[in-house]
């Protein structure tokens, strides 16, 4: 038997859905509590019963988007369970998410009250630390090599900046010629694999 969500949860979700619609149409800057109240068919005072302010709504939307990105399955073939392949596939999955859900990607990467407030805090993000761990695992196993002058953290930053830069361009400046952008990202991933892969397995 399927149980209904509590009314508070349903109302809260309805507000978030309405906010997402407005952002899809007008961008994040177009969201206001007045406009949201009209779209959700609630009084402004009712909105404040569920969310403290606009920033609280954006924060909730960003967290929802991050969970959606994490749960998005990958349909890419040719990747193994080796650290380098997992590393590249996770980056390409994020790019695929941005391509398929540009509004959600914009929300996920927008600055909210839960965002890191310093570089030190950013470097402790669990997703970023996961990249470093994968690189270190590959180095320890002898399957990943780093270019001269790089350590695991710097390589993780290069990968992080590359995939987010490509994702931002794909959802913005390059959205009208997305196939060309997609091809460049495939070349980028192949380049990273060639640069970082050791020859211990006999593979190119």
N, C-alpha and C. Protein backbone atom coordinates (compact mmCIF):
# COMPACT_ATOMS: atom_id res chain seq x y z
N UNK A 1 0.84 -1.20 0.00
CA UNK A 1 0.00 0.00 0.00
C UNK A 1 0.88 1.25 0.00
N UNK A 2 0.62 2.17 -0.91
CA UNK A 2 1.39 3.40 -1.00
C UNK A 2 0.82 4.43 -0.04
N UNK A 3 1.65 4.92 0.85
CA UNK A 3 1.21 5.93 1.81
C UNK A 3 1.46 7.32 1.24
N UNK A 4 0.56 8.23 1.52
CA UNK A 4 0.71 9.60 1.05
C UNK A 4 1.74 10.33 1.90
N UNK A 5 2.44 11.27 1.26
CA UNK A 5 3.37 12.09 2.00
C UNK A 5 2.60 13.02 2.94
N UNK A 6 3.17 13.32 4.10
CA UNK A 6 2.51 14.27 4.99
C UNK A 6 2.25 15.59 4.28
N UNK A 7 1.21 16.26 4.72
CA UNK A 7 0.81 17.50 4.05
C UNK A 7 1.93 18.53 4.04
N UNK A 8 2.65 18.65 5.13
CA UNK A 8 3.74 19.63 5.20
C UNK A 8 4.78 19.34 4.13
N UNK A 9 5.12 18.07 3.97
CA UNK A 9 6.11 17.69 2.96
C UNK A 9 5.59 17.96 1.56
N UNK A 10 4.31 17.67 1.32
CA UNK A 10 3.74 17.91 0.00
C UNK A 10 3.73 19.40 -0.32
N UNK A 11 3.35 20.22 0.65
CA UNK A 11 3.33 21.66 0.42
C UNK A 11 4.74 22.21 0.18
N UNK A 12 5.67 21.71 0.95
CA UNK A 12 7.06 22.15 0.80
C UNK A 12 7.56 21.79 -0.60
N UNK A 13 7.24 20.59 -1.06
CA UNK A 13 7.68 20.16 -2.38
C UNK A 13 7.00 20.97 -3.48
N UNK A 14 5.74 21.32 -3.27
CA UNK A 14 5.03 22.13 -4.26
C UNK A 14 5.69 23.51 -4.40
N UNK A 15 6.15 24.06 -3.30
CA UNK A 15 6.83 25.35 -3.34
C UNK A 15 8.15 25.22 -4.11
N UNK A 16 8.90 24.17 -3.83
CA UNK A 16 10.17 23.96 -4.53
C UNK A 16 9.94 23.75 -6.02
N UNK A 17 8.91 22.99 -6.36
CA UNK A 17 8.61 22.76 -7.78
C UNK A 17 8.26 24.07 -8.49
N UNK A 18 7.49 24.91 -7.82
CA UNK A 18 7.12 26.20 -8.40
C UNK A 18 8.36 27.09 -8.56
N UNK A 19 9.23 27.06 -7.57
CA UNK A 19 10.46 27.85 -7.64
C UNK A 19 11.33 27.37 -8.79
N UNK A 20 11.41 26.07 -8.98
CA UNK A 20 12.21 25.50 -10.07
C UNK A 20 11.64 25.93 -11.43
N UNK A 21 10.33 25.99 -11.54
CA UNK A 21 9.70 26.43 -12.79
C UNK A 21 10.07 27.88 -13.10
N UNK A 22 10.02 28.72 -12.09
CA UNK A 22 10.35 30.13 -12.30
C UNK A 22 11.80 30.28 -12.72
N UNK A 23 12.70 29.55 -12.06
CA UNK A 23 14.12 29.63 -12.40
C UNK A 23 14.36 29.13 -13.81
N UNK A 24 13.64 28.10 -14.21
CA UNK A 24 13.76 27.58 -15.57
C UNK A 24 13.37 28.63 -16.60
N UNK A 25 12.38 29.45 -16.26
CA UNK A 25 11.88 30.46 -17.18
C UNK A 25 12.67 31.77 -17.12
N UNK A 26 13.09 32.15 -15.91
CA UNK A 26 13.64 33.49 -15.70
C UNK A 26 15.06 33.51 -15.14
N UNK A 27 15.61 32.34 -14.82
CA UNK A 27 16.91 32.31 -14.18
C UNK A 27 16.80 32.50 -12.69
N UNK A 28 17.89 32.26 -11.98
CA UNK A 28 17.88 32.38 -10.53
C UNK A 28 17.53 33.80 -10.10
N UNK A 29 18.02 34.77 -10.85
CA UNK A 29 17.75 36.17 -10.49
C UNK A 29 16.26 36.51 -10.60
N UNK A 30 15.52 35.72 -11.38
CA UNK A 30 14.10 35.99 -11.56
C UNK A 30 13.22 35.45 -10.46
N UNK A 31 13.80 34.72 -9.52
CA UNK A 31 13.01 34.18 -8.42
C UNK A 31 12.83 35.22 -7.32
N UNK A 32 11.62 35.44 -6.93
CA UNK A 32 11.31 36.31 -5.79
C UNK A 32 10.19 35.67 -5.00
N UNK A 33 10.09 36.03 -3.74
CA UNK A 33 9.06 35.45 -2.90
C UNK A 33 7.67 35.87 -3.39
N UNK A 34 7.54 37.07 -3.90
CA UNK A 34 6.25 37.53 -4.42
C UNK A 34 5.84 36.71 -5.64
N UNK A 35 6.79 36.56 -6.57
CA UNK A 35 6.50 35.80 -7.78
C UNK A 35 6.23 34.33 -7.44
N UNK A 36 6.96 33.81 -6.47
CA UNK A 36 6.78 32.42 -6.07
C UNK A 36 5.42 32.21 -5.42
N UNK A 37 4.99 33.15 -4.61
CA UNK A 37 3.68 33.04 -3.97
C UNK A 37 2.57 32.99 -5.03
N UNK A 38 2.72 33.82 -6.06
CA UNK A 38 1.73 33.81 -7.14
C UNK A 38 1.73 32.49 -7.90
N UNK A 39 2.91 31.97 -8.20
CA UNK A 39 3.01 30.73 -8.97
C UNK A 39 2.51 29.53 -8.15
N UNK A 40 2.84 29.49 -6.89
CA UNK A 40 2.45 28.35 -6.06
C UNK A 40 1.02 28.49 -5.52
N UNK A 41 0.42 29.66 -5.74
CA UNK A 41 -0.93 29.93 -5.26
C UNK A 41 -1.00 29.86 -3.74
N UNK A 42 0.02 30.43 -3.10
CA UNK A 42 0.06 30.57 -1.65
C UNK A 42 0.20 32.04 -1.32
N UNK A 43 -0.19 32.40 -0.13
CA UNK A 43 0.07 33.76 0.33
C UNK A 43 1.54 33.85 0.73
N UNK A 44 2.13 35.04 0.64
CA UNK A 44 3.53 35.18 1.07
C UNK A 44 3.76 34.68 2.49
N UNK A 45 2.81 34.93 3.37
CA UNK A 45 2.98 34.47 4.76
C UNK A 45 3.03 32.95 4.86
N UNK A 46 2.31 32.28 3.96
CA UNK A 46 2.34 30.82 3.96
C UNK A 46 3.71 30.31 3.53
N UNK A 47 4.32 30.97 2.55
CA UNK A 47 5.66 30.57 2.11
C UNK A 47 6.64 30.59 3.28
N UNK A 48 6.54 31.63 4.10
CA UNK A 48 7.48 31.78 5.20
C UNK A 48 7.25 30.76 6.32
N UNK A 49 6.15 30.07 6.28
CA UNK A 49 5.95 28.98 7.23
C UNK A 49 6.81 27.78 6.88
N UNK A 50 7.18 27.66 5.59
CA UNK A 50 7.96 26.52 5.13
C UNK A 50 9.44 26.86 4.89
N UNK A 51 9.70 28.09 4.49
CA UNK A 51 11.06 28.51 4.20
C UNK A 51 11.30 29.89 4.79
N UNK A 52 12.45 30.04 5.39
CA UNK A 52 12.78 31.30 6.05
C UNK A 52 12.83 32.47 5.07
N UNK A 53 13.41 32.22 3.91
CA UNK A 53 13.56 33.27 2.90
C UNK A 53 13.92 32.64 1.56
N UNK A 54 14.16 33.47 0.59
CA UNK A 54 14.52 33.00 -0.75
C UNK A 54 15.79 32.17 -0.71
N UNK A 55 16.76 32.58 0.10
CA UNK A 55 18.02 31.86 0.17
C UNK A 55 17.83 30.44 0.68
N UNK A 56 16.89 30.25 1.58
CA UNK A 56 16.61 28.90 2.08
C UNK A 56 16.03 28.02 0.98
N UNK A 57 15.21 28.61 0.12
CA UNK A 57 14.64 27.87 -1.01
C UNK A 57 15.73 27.49 -2.00
N UNK A 58 16.61 28.42 -2.33
CA UNK A 58 17.71 28.12 -3.25
C UNK A 58 18.63 27.06 -2.67
N UNK A 59 18.85 27.10 -1.37
CA UNK A 59 19.69 26.10 -0.73
C UNK A 59 19.07 24.72 -0.85
N UNK A 60 17.77 24.63 -0.62
CA UNK A 60 17.07 23.34 -0.73
C UNK A 60 17.10 22.83 -2.16
N UNK A 61 16.92 23.73 -3.12
CA UNK A 61 16.96 23.33 -4.53
C UNK A 61 18.35 22.83 -4.92
N UNK A 62 19.38 23.50 -4.42
CA UNK A 62 20.75 23.09 -4.73
C UNK A 62 21.04 21.70 -4.18
N UNK A 63 20.57 21.43 -2.98
CA UNK A 63 20.79 20.11 -2.38
C UNK A 63 20.02 19.03 -3.14
N UNK A 64 18.81 19.35 -3.57
CA UNK A 64 18.03 18.39 -4.37
C UNK A 64 18.76 18.09 -5.68
N UNK A 65 19.31 19.13 -6.31
CA UNK A 65 20.00 18.96 -7.58
C UNK A 65 21.25 18.11 -7.41
N UNK A 66 21.98 18.33 -6.31
CA UNK A 66 23.19 17.55 -6.06
C UNK A 66 22.85 16.08 -5.87
N UNK A 67 21.76 15.79 -5.17
CA UNK A 67 21.33 14.40 -4.99
C UNK A 67 20.93 13.78 -6.33
N UNK A 68 20.28 14.56 -7.18
CA UNK A 68 19.89 14.04 -8.49
C UNK A 68 21.10 13.73 -9.34
N UNK A 69 22.12 14.58 -9.26
CA UNK A 69 23.34 14.33 -10.03
C UNK A 69 24.04 13.07 -9.54
N UNK A 70 24.07 12.88 -8.23
CA UNK A 70 24.73 11.71 -7.68
C UNK A 70 24.03 10.41 -8.06
N UNK A 71 22.72 10.47 -8.17
CA UNK A 71 21.95 9.25 -8.44
C UNK A 71 21.76 8.97 -9.93
N UNK A 72 22.21 9.89 -10.78
CA UNK A 72 22.03 9.70 -12.22
C UNK A 72 22.89 8.53 -12.69
N UNK A 73 22.29 7.51 -13.31
CA UNK A 73 23.07 6.37 -13.78
C UNK A 73 23.89 6.73 -15.02
N UNK A 74 24.99 6.04 -15.19
CA UNK A 74 25.82 6.26 -16.37
C UNK A 74 25.54 5.19 -17.39
N UNK A 75 25.37 5.60 -18.64
CA UNK A 75 25.13 4.65 -19.72
C UNK A 75 26.35 4.53 -20.62
N UNK A 76 27.48 5.04 -20.17
CA UNK A 76 28.69 5.00 -20.98
C UNK A 76 29.35 3.64 -20.90
N UNK A 77 29.79 3.15 -22.04
CA UNK A 77 30.47 1.85 -22.11
C UNK A 77 31.98 2.07 -22.16
N UNK A 78 32.71 0.99 -21.92
CA UNK A 78 34.15 1.05 -22.07
C UNK A 78 34.89 1.48 -20.82
N UNK A 79 34.22 1.51 -19.68
CA UNK A 79 34.88 1.90 -18.44
C UNK A 79 34.89 0.71 -17.48
N UNK A 80 35.98 0.59 -16.74
CA UNK A 80 36.15 -0.52 -15.82
C UNK A 80 35.99 -0.04 -14.39
N UNK A 81 36.33 -0.92 -13.44
CA UNK A 81 36.25 -0.55 -12.02
C UNK A 81 37.61 -0.05 -11.51
N UNK A 82 38.52 0.27 -12.45
CA UNK A 82 39.82 0.80 -12.05
C UNK A 82 39.68 2.28 -11.66
N UNK A 83 40.53 2.74 -10.72
CA UNK A 83 40.41 4.12 -10.23
C UNK A 83 40.37 5.18 -11.33
N UNK A 84 41.21 5.05 -12.35
CA UNK A 84 41.24 6.06 -13.41
C UNK A 84 39.93 6.07 -14.18
N UNK A 85 39.40 4.90 -14.50
CA UNK A 85 38.13 4.84 -15.22
C UNK A 85 36.98 5.38 -14.38
N UNK A 86 36.98 5.04 -13.09
CA UNK A 86 35.94 5.57 -12.20
C UNK A 86 36.04 7.10 -12.14
N UNK A 87 37.26 7.59 -12.08
CA UNK A 87 37.50 9.03 -12.02
C UNK A 87 36.93 9.73 -13.26
N UNK A 88 37.27 9.22 -14.43
CA UNK A 88 36.81 9.84 -15.67
C UNK A 88 35.31 9.67 -15.86
N UNK A 89 34.80 8.51 -15.50
CA UNK A 89 33.37 8.28 -15.67
C UNK A 89 32.55 9.20 -14.77
N UNK A 90 33.04 9.45 -13.56
CA UNK A 90 32.31 10.34 -12.65
C UNK A 90 32.25 11.76 -13.23
N UNK A 91 33.35 12.19 -13.86
CA UNK A 91 33.35 13.51 -14.47
C UNK A 91 32.43 13.59 -15.66
N UNK A 92 32.44 12.56 -16.49
CA UNK A 92 31.57 12.54 -17.66
C UNK A 92 30.10 12.42 -17.26
N UNK A 93 29.83 11.72 -16.16
CA UNK A 93 28.45 11.62 -15.68
C UNK A 93 27.94 12.99 -15.24
N UNK A 94 28.81 13.78 -14.60
CA UNK A 94 28.42 15.13 -14.22
C UNK A 94 28.15 15.97 -15.47
N UNK A 95 28.99 15.83 -16.48
CA UNK A 95 28.78 16.57 -17.73
C UNK A 95 27.46 16.15 -18.37
N UNK A 96 27.18 14.86 -18.37
CA UNK A 96 25.92 14.36 -18.94
C UNK A 96 24.72 14.92 -18.17
N UNK A 97 24.88 15.02 -16.84
CA UNK A 97 23.80 15.59 -16.03
C UNK A 97 23.56 17.05 -16.40
N UNK A 98 24.63 17.81 -16.54
CA UNK A 98 24.50 19.22 -16.93
C UNK A 98 23.82 19.36 -18.28
N UNK A 99 24.18 18.47 -19.20
CA UNK A 99 23.61 18.52 -20.55
C UNK A 99 22.11 18.17 -20.52
N UNK A 100 21.75 17.19 -19.70
CA UNK A 100 20.35 16.74 -19.65
C UNK A 100 19.49 17.62 -18.75
N UNK A 101 20.10 18.17 -17.70
CA UNK A 101 19.34 18.96 -16.72
C UNK A 101 20.06 20.28 -16.45
N UNK A 102 20.08 21.19 -17.41
CA UNK A 102 20.86 22.43 -17.24
C UNK A 102 20.40 23.29 -16.06
N UNK A 103 19.10 23.33 -15.81
CA UNK A 103 18.61 24.14 -14.68
C UNK A 103 19.08 23.53 -13.37
N UNK A 104 18.98 22.20 -13.26
CA UNK A 104 19.43 21.53 -12.04
C UNK A 104 20.93 21.73 -11.84
N UNK A 105 21.69 21.67 -12.93
CA UNK A 105 23.14 21.88 -12.82
C UNK A 105 23.43 23.30 -12.35
N UNK A 106 22.71 24.27 -12.89
CA UNK A 106 22.90 25.66 -12.48
C UNK A 106 22.60 25.81 -10.99
N UNK A 107 21.54 25.18 -10.53
CA UNK A 107 21.19 25.25 -9.12
C UNK A 107 22.26 24.59 -8.26
N UNK A 108 22.74 23.43 -8.70
CA UNK A 108 23.73 22.68 -7.93
C UNK A 108 25.02 23.47 -7.75
N UNK A 109 25.39 24.25 -8.75
CA UNK A 109 26.67 24.97 -8.72
C UNK A 109 26.52 26.43 -8.32
N UNK A 110 25.33 26.85 -7.94
CA UNK A 110 25.14 28.23 -7.51
C UNK A 110 25.58 28.38 -6.06
N UNK A 111 25.95 29.60 -5.71
CA UNK A 111 26.37 29.88 -4.34
C UNK A 111 25.15 30.00 -3.44
N UNK A 112 25.09 29.19 -2.40
CA UNK A 112 24.00 29.26 -1.43
C UNK A 112 24.60 29.32 -0.03
N UNK A 113 23.75 29.40 0.96
CA UNK A 113 24.26 29.53 2.32
C UNK A 113 24.98 28.27 2.81
N UNK A 114 24.78 27.14 2.12
CA UNK A 114 25.49 25.92 2.49
C UNK A 114 26.78 25.72 1.69
N UNK A 115 27.05 26.61 0.75
CA UNK A 115 28.24 26.49 -0.08
C UNK A 115 29.49 26.73 0.76
N UNK A 116 30.64 26.17 0.34
CA UNK A 116 31.89 26.47 1.04
C UNK A 116 32.17 27.96 1.05
N UNK A 117 32.62 28.46 2.18
CA UNK A 117 32.87 29.89 2.32
C UNK A 117 34.35 30.24 2.22
N UNK A 118 35.18 29.25 1.92
CA UNK A 118 36.61 29.48 1.76
C UNK A 118 37.19 28.38 0.89
N UNK A 119 38.39 28.62 0.36
CA UNK A 119 39.05 27.60 -0.45
C UNK A 119 39.33 26.36 0.40
N UNK A 120 39.71 26.58 1.65
CA UNK A 120 39.98 25.45 2.54
C UNK A 120 38.74 24.59 2.69
N UNK A 121 37.58 25.22 2.86
CA UNK A 121 36.34 24.46 2.99
C UNK A 121 36.00 23.76 1.68
N UNK A 122 36.25 24.42 0.56
CA UNK A 122 35.99 23.80 -0.73
C UNK A 122 36.82 22.53 -0.91
N UNK A 123 38.08 22.59 -0.52
CA UNK A 123 38.97 21.45 -0.69
C UNK A 123 38.61 20.29 0.22
N UNK A 124 37.73 20.54 1.20
CA UNK A 124 37.26 19.47 2.08
C UNK A 124 35.90 18.93 1.64
N UNK A 125 35.38 19.43 0.51
CA UNK A 125 34.12 18.91 -0.03
C UNK A 125 34.28 17.41 -0.26
N UNK A 126 33.27 16.62 0.14
CA UNK A 126 33.41 15.17 0.06
C UNK A 126 33.58 14.67 -1.37
N UNK A 127 32.95 15.34 -2.34
CA UNK A 127 33.11 14.92 -3.73
C UNK A 127 34.53 15.21 -4.23
N UNK A 128 35.06 16.35 -3.84
CA UNK A 128 36.42 16.68 -4.24
C UNK A 128 37.42 15.76 -3.56
N UNK A 129 37.21 15.49 -2.28
CA UNK A 129 38.09 14.55 -1.59
C UNK A 129 38.01 13.16 -2.20
N UNK A 130 36.82 12.81 -2.74
CA UNK A 130 36.68 11.52 -3.40
C UNK A 130 37.56 11.42 -4.64
N UNK A 131 37.70 12.53 -5.38
CA UNK A 131 38.59 12.54 -6.53
C UNK A 131 40.04 12.30 -6.10
N UNK A 132 40.44 12.99 -5.05
CA UNK A 132 41.81 12.82 -4.55
C UNK A 132 42.05 11.38 -4.13
N UNK A 133 41.09 10.80 -3.43
CA UNK A 133 41.22 9.41 -2.98
C UNK A 133 41.39 8.46 -4.17
N UNK A 134 40.60 8.66 -5.22
CA UNK A 134 40.71 7.80 -6.39
C UNK A 134 42.08 7.92 -7.04
N UNK A 135 42.57 9.13 -7.15
CA UNK A 135 43.89 9.34 -7.74
C UNK A 135 44.96 8.66 -6.90
N UNK A 136 44.88 8.83 -5.58
CA UNK A 136 45.86 8.21 -4.69
C UNK A 136 45.78 6.69 -4.75
N UNK A 137 44.56 6.15 -4.88
CA UNK A 137 44.41 4.70 -5.02
C UNK A 137 45.09 4.21 -6.29
N UNK A 138 44.89 4.94 -7.38
CA UNK A 138 45.50 4.56 -8.65
C UNK A 138 47.01 4.64 -8.61
N UNK A 139 47.53 5.68 -7.95
CA UNK A 139 48.98 5.81 -7.82
C UNK A 139 49.54 4.65 -7.01
N UNK A 140 48.88 4.34 -5.89
CA UNK A 140 49.34 3.25 -5.03
C UNK A 140 49.30 1.91 -5.76
N UNK A 141 48.31 1.73 -6.64
CA UNK A 141 48.17 0.47 -7.37
C UNK A 141 49.07 0.43 -8.61
N UNK A 142 49.69 1.56 -8.94
CA UNK A 142 50.56 1.60 -10.10
C UNK A 142 49.83 1.77 -11.42
N UNK A 143 48.56 2.17 -11.37
CA UNK A 143 47.78 2.32 -12.61
C UNK A 143 47.59 3.77 -13.02
N UNK A 144 47.96 4.71 -12.16
CA UNK A 144 47.86 6.14 -12.48
C UNK A 144 49.23 6.77 -12.28
N UNK A 145 49.61 7.59 -13.23
CA UNK A 145 50.82 8.38 -13.11
C UNK A 145 50.43 9.85 -13.17
N UNK A 146 51.22 10.70 -12.57
CA UNK A 146 50.94 12.13 -12.59
C UNK A 146 52.02 12.85 -13.38
N UNK A 147 51.65 13.87 -14.14
CA UNK A 147 52.66 14.67 -14.85
C UNK A 147 53.60 15.34 -13.86
N UNK A 148 54.77 15.68 -14.32
CA UNK A 148 55.73 16.39 -13.47
C UNK A 148 55.09 17.66 -12.92
N UNK A 149 55.33 17.90 -11.65
CA UNK A 149 54.82 19.10 -11.00
C UNK A 149 53.44 18.95 -10.41
N UNK A 150 52.80 17.78 -10.56
CA UNK A 150 51.46 17.56 -10.04
C UNK A 150 51.50 16.62 -8.85
N UNK A 151 50.65 16.92 -7.86
CA UNK A 151 50.33 15.95 -6.84
C UNK A 151 48.85 15.59 -6.99
N UNK A 152 48.35 14.71 -6.14
CA UNK A 152 46.97 14.24 -6.29
C UNK A 152 45.97 15.38 -6.18
N UNK A 153 46.20 16.31 -5.27
CA UNK A 153 45.26 17.41 -5.09
C UNK A 153 45.23 18.32 -6.31
N UNK A 154 46.40 18.63 -6.87
CA UNK A 154 46.45 19.52 -8.03
C UNK A 154 45.81 18.85 -9.25
N UNK A 155 46.02 17.55 -9.42
CA UNK A 155 45.39 16.85 -10.53
C UNK A 155 43.87 16.82 -10.36
N UNK A 156 43.42 16.61 -9.12
CA UNK A 156 41.98 16.63 -8.85
C UNK A 156 41.40 18.00 -9.19
N UNK A 157 42.13 19.06 -8.88
CA UNK A 157 41.67 20.42 -9.22
C UNK A 157 41.58 20.59 -10.74
N UNK A 158 42.57 20.10 -11.46
CA UNK A 158 42.55 20.22 -12.92
C UNK A 158 41.35 19.48 -13.50
N UNK A 159 41.09 18.28 -13.02
CA UNK A 159 39.93 17.52 -13.49
C UNK A 159 38.63 18.22 -13.12
N UNK A 160 38.54 18.70 -11.88
CA UNK A 160 37.34 19.36 -11.37
C UNK A 160 37.03 20.61 -12.18
N UNK A 161 38.05 21.45 -12.36
CA UNK A 161 37.85 22.69 -13.12
C UNK A 161 37.51 22.39 -14.58
N UNK A 162 38.14 21.38 -15.15
CA UNK A 162 37.90 21.05 -16.55
C UNK A 162 36.47 20.61 -16.78
N UNK A 163 35.97 19.70 -15.96
CA UNK A 163 34.63 19.17 -16.20
C UNK A 163 33.57 20.21 -15.87
N UNK A 164 33.78 21.00 -14.81
CA UNK A 164 32.80 22.04 -14.51
C UNK A 164 32.85 23.16 -15.54
N UNK A 165 34.04 23.48 -16.03
CA UNK A 165 34.14 24.48 -17.09
C UNK A 165 33.42 24.02 -18.35
N UNK A 166 33.64 22.76 -18.73
CA UNK A 166 32.97 22.22 -19.91
C UNK A 166 31.46 22.18 -19.71
N UNK A 167 31.03 21.80 -18.51
CA UNK A 167 29.59 21.71 -18.22
C UNK A 167 28.94 23.08 -18.27
N UNK A 168 29.63 24.08 -17.73
CA UNK A 168 29.09 25.44 -17.75
C UNK A 168 28.98 25.97 -19.17
N UNK A 169 29.99 25.71 -19.99
CA UNK A 169 29.94 26.14 -21.39
C UNK A 169 28.83 25.41 -22.14
N UNK A 170 28.67 24.11 -21.85
CA UNK A 170 27.65 23.32 -22.55
C UNK A 170 26.25 23.82 -22.26
N UNK A 171 26.03 24.34 -21.06
CA UNK A 171 24.70 24.82 -20.68
C UNK A 171 24.54 26.32 -20.95
N UNK A 172 25.62 26.96 -21.39
CA UNK A 172 25.56 28.39 -21.63
C UNK A 172 26.01 28.77 -23.03
N UNK A 173 27.25 29.24 -23.15
CA UNK A 173 27.74 29.77 -24.41
C UNK A 173 27.71 28.77 -25.55
N UNK A 174 27.88 27.47 -25.24
CA UNK A 174 27.97 26.47 -26.31
C UNK A 174 26.70 25.63 -26.45
N UNK A 175 25.62 26.06 -25.85
CA UNK A 175 24.41 25.24 -25.88
C UNK A 175 23.83 25.12 -27.29
N UNK A 176 24.11 26.10 -28.17
CA UNK A 176 23.56 26.05 -29.52
C UNK A 176 24.40 25.21 -30.47
N UNK A 177 25.58 24.82 -30.04
CA UNK A 177 26.39 23.88 -30.84
C UNK A 177 26.94 22.81 -29.91
N UNK A 178 25.99 22.15 -29.26
CA UNK A 178 26.32 21.18 -28.22
C UNK A 178 27.07 19.96 -28.72
N UNK A 179 26.77 19.49 -29.94
CA UNK A 179 27.44 18.30 -30.44
C UNK A 179 28.94 18.52 -30.55
N UNK A 180 29.33 19.69 -30.99
CA UNK A 180 30.76 20.00 -31.08
C UNK A 180 31.39 20.04 -29.69
N UNK A 181 30.67 20.60 -28.72
CA UNK A 181 31.15 20.63 -27.35
C UNK A 181 31.29 19.22 -26.79
N UNK A 182 30.29 18.37 -27.06
CA UNK A 182 30.34 16.98 -26.60
C UNK A 182 31.57 16.27 -27.15
N UNK A 183 31.87 16.50 -28.42
CA UNK A 183 33.03 15.86 -29.04
C UNK A 183 34.32 16.33 -28.39
N UNK A 184 34.40 17.61 -28.05
CA UNK A 184 35.59 18.13 -27.39
C UNK A 184 35.77 17.51 -26.01
N UNK A 185 34.66 17.31 -25.30
CA UNK A 185 34.75 16.70 -23.97
C UNK A 185 35.22 15.25 -24.07
N UNK A 186 34.78 14.54 -25.09
CA UNK A 186 35.26 13.17 -25.30
C UNK A 186 36.76 13.17 -25.56
N UNK A 187 37.22 14.12 -26.36
CA UNK A 187 38.66 14.23 -26.61
C UNK A 187 39.41 14.58 -25.34
N UNK A 188 38.82 15.45 -24.52
CA UNK A 188 39.44 15.84 -23.26
C UNK A 188 39.59 14.63 -22.34
N UNK A 189 38.53 13.83 -22.23
CA UNK A 189 38.58 12.65 -21.38
C UNK A 189 39.63 11.67 -21.87
N UNK A 190 39.69 11.48 -23.20
CA UNK A 190 40.70 10.58 -23.77
C UNK A 190 42.10 11.11 -23.51
N UNK A 191 42.26 12.43 -23.58
CA UNK A 191 43.56 13.03 -23.30
C UNK A 191 43.99 12.83 -21.86
N UNK A 192 43.06 13.01 -20.93
CA UNK A 192 43.37 12.76 -19.53
C UNK A 192 43.78 11.30 -19.32
N UNK A 193 43.07 10.40 -19.97
CA UNK A 193 43.37 8.97 -19.79
C UNK A 193 44.77 8.65 -20.31
N UNK A 194 45.12 9.19 -21.47
CA UNK A 194 46.45 8.97 -22.02
C UNK A 194 47.52 9.57 -21.12
N UNK A 195 47.27 10.75 -20.62
CA UNK A 195 48.24 11.45 -19.79
C UNK A 195 48.48 10.75 -18.45
N UNK A 196 47.40 10.18 -17.87
CA UNK A 196 47.49 9.65 -16.51
C UNK A 196 47.69 8.14 -16.44
N UNK A 197 47.47 7.45 -17.54
CA UNK A 197 47.51 5.99 -17.49
C UNK A 197 48.93 5.47 -17.60
N UNK A 198 49.29 4.53 -16.73
CA UNK A 198 50.59 3.87 -16.83
C UNK A 198 50.50 2.77 -17.86
N UNK A 199 51.62 2.19 -18.20
CA UNK A 199 51.67 1.14 -19.20
C UNK A 199 51.83 -0.25 -18.59
N UNK A 200 51.54 -0.37 -17.29
CA UNK A 200 51.76 -1.64 -16.60
C UNK A 200 50.83 -2.74 -17.08
N UNK A 201 49.66 -2.37 -17.62
CA UNK A 201 48.71 -3.38 -18.06
C UNK A 201 48.90 -3.74 -19.53
N UNK A 202 49.77 -3.00 -20.19
CA UNK A 202 49.97 -3.26 -21.60
C UNK A 202 48.97 -2.59 -22.49
N UNK A 203 48.06 -1.75 -21.88
CA UNK A 203 47.05 -1.05 -22.65
C UNK A 203 47.55 0.33 -23.00
N UNK A 204 46.98 0.91 -24.06
CA UNK A 204 47.35 2.25 -24.45
C UNK A 204 46.62 3.27 -23.60
